Amino acid sequence: MEPYTSVELTRLLDYPNETGPRLAVRRYLRATYLEHVKNAPRELSEPEAADVLGVA
């Protein structure tokens, strides 16, 4: 499966296309996955995306 982006995860969570929900997803990712390089594009694997979606 292809990697997921924070925007795709926001859509899967059924949030409207607003900055607030996307920011909430990005904040969770920043707090949880500390090894990510700041300002680099973020692509999540299927297990990481499941974690964000709460189905892990």
C-alpha atoms as a PDB file:
ATOM      1  CA  MET A   1       0.000   0.000   0.000  1.00  0.00           C
ATOM      2  CA  GLU A   2       1.156   3.556  -0.684  1.00  0.00           C
ATOM      3  CA  PRO A   3       2.233   5.804   2.190  1.00  0.00           C
ATOM      4  CA  TYR A   4      -0.294   8.144   3.790  1.00  0.00           C
ATOM      5  CA  THR A   5       0.040  11.911   4.303  1.00  0.00           C
ATOM      6  CA  SER A   6      -1.417  13.988   7.140  1.00  0.00           C
ATOM      7  CA  VAL A   7      -3.947  15.488   4.710  1.00  0.00           C
ATOM      8  CA  GLU A   8      -5.153  12.018   3.678  1.00  0.00           C
ATOM      9  CA  LEU A   9      -5.475  10.980   7.315  1.00  0.00           C
ATOM     10  CA  THR A  10      -7.536  14.083   8.045  1.00  0.00           C
ATOM     11  CA  ARG A  11      -9.886  13.122   5.219  1.00  0.00           C
ATOM     12  CA  LEU A  12     -10.122   9.550   6.526  1.00  0.00           C
ATOM     13  CA  LEU A  13     -11.087  10.955   9.931  1.00  0.00           C
ATOM     14  CA  ASP A  14     -13.934  12.745   8.115  1.00  0.00           C
ATOM     15  CA  TYR A  15     -12.790  16.222   9.118  1.00  0.00           C
ATOM     16  CA  PRO A  16     -13.693  19.076   6.796  1.00  0.00           C
ATOM     17  CA  ASN A  17     -10.863  20.575   4.783  1.00  0.00           C
ATOM     18  CA  GLU A  18      -9.816  23.069   7.452  1.00  0.00           C
ATOM     19  CA  THR A  19      -6.480  23.938   8.988  1.00  0.00           C
ATOM     20  CA  GLY A  20      -7.525  23.089  12.566  1.00  0.00           C
ATOM     21  CA  PRO A  21      -8.094  19.327  12.165  1.00  0.00           C
ATOM     22  CA  ARG A  22      -5.031  18.925   9.942  1.00  0.00           C
ATOM     23  CA  LEU A  23      -3.015  20.767  12.562  1.00  0.00           C
ATOM     24  CA  ALA A  24      -4.313  18.395  15.245  1.00  0.00           C
ATOM     25  CA  VAL A  25      -3.171  15.392  13.180  1.00  0.00           C
ATOM     26  CA  ARG A  26       0.236  16.965  12.543  1.00  0.00           C
ATOM     27  CA  ARG A  27       0.677  17.802  16.240  1.00  0.00           C
ATOM     28  CA  TYR A  28      -0.068  14.190  17.159  1.00  0.00           C
ATOM     29  CA  LEU A  29       2.441  12.974  14.586  1.00  0.00           C
ATOM     30  CA  ARG A  30       5.111  15.379  15.847  1.00  0.00           C
ATOM     31  CA  ALA A  31       4.582  14.280  19.454  1.00  0.00           C
ATOM     32  CA  THR A  32       4.491  10.566  18.635  1.00  0.00           C
ATOM     33  CA  TYR A  33       7.124  10.185  15.912  1.00  0.00           C
ATOM     34  CA  LEU A  34      10.043  12.257  17.153  1.00  0.00           C
ATOM     35  CA  GLU A  35      12.521  10.901  14.592  1.00  0.00           C
ATOM     36  CA  HIS A  36      10.863  12.808  11.731  1.00  0.00           C
ATOM     37  CA  VAL A  37      12.943  15.671  10.302  1.00  0.00           C
ATOM     38  CA  LYS A  38      11.239  19.022  10.856  1.00  0.00           C
ATOM     39  CA  ASN A  39       9.601  20.542   7.740  1.00  0.00           C
ATOM     40  CA  ALA A  40      10.272  17.434   5.657  1.00  0.00           C
ATOM     41  CA  PRO A  41       7.345  15.815   3.843  1.00  0.00           C
ATOM     42  CA  ARG A  42       5.719  13.197   6.032  1.00  0.00           C
ATOM     43  CA  GLU A  43       4.658   9.857   4.593  1.00  0.00           C
ATOM     44  CA  LEU A  44       3.303   7.310   7.035  1.00  0.00           C
ATOM     45  CA  SER A  45       3.328   3.568   6.681  1.00  0.00           C
ATOM     46  CA  GLU A  46       0.109   1.614   7.097  1.00  0.00           C
ATOM     47  CA  PRO A  47       0.824   0.791  10.801  1.00  0.00           C
ATOM     48  CA  GLU A  48       1.616   4.451  11.542  1.00  0.00           C
ATOM     49  CA  ALA A  49      -1.559   5.581   9.798  1.00  0.00           C
ATOM     50  CA  ALA A  50      -3.563   3.003  11.775  1.00  0.00           C
ATOM     51  CA  ASP A  51      -2.072   4.435  14.964  1.00  0.00           C
ATOM     52  CA  VAL A  52      -3.228   7.928  14.033  1.00  0.00           C
ATOM     53  CA  LEU A  53      -6.669   6.628  13.100  1.00  0.00           C
ATOM     54  CA  GLY A  54      -6.933   4.761  16.395  1.00  0.00           C
ATOM     55  CA  VAL A  55      -7.219   1.261  15.003  1.00  0.00           C
ATOM     56  CA  ALA A  56      -3.794  -0.046  15.918  1.00  0.00           C
END
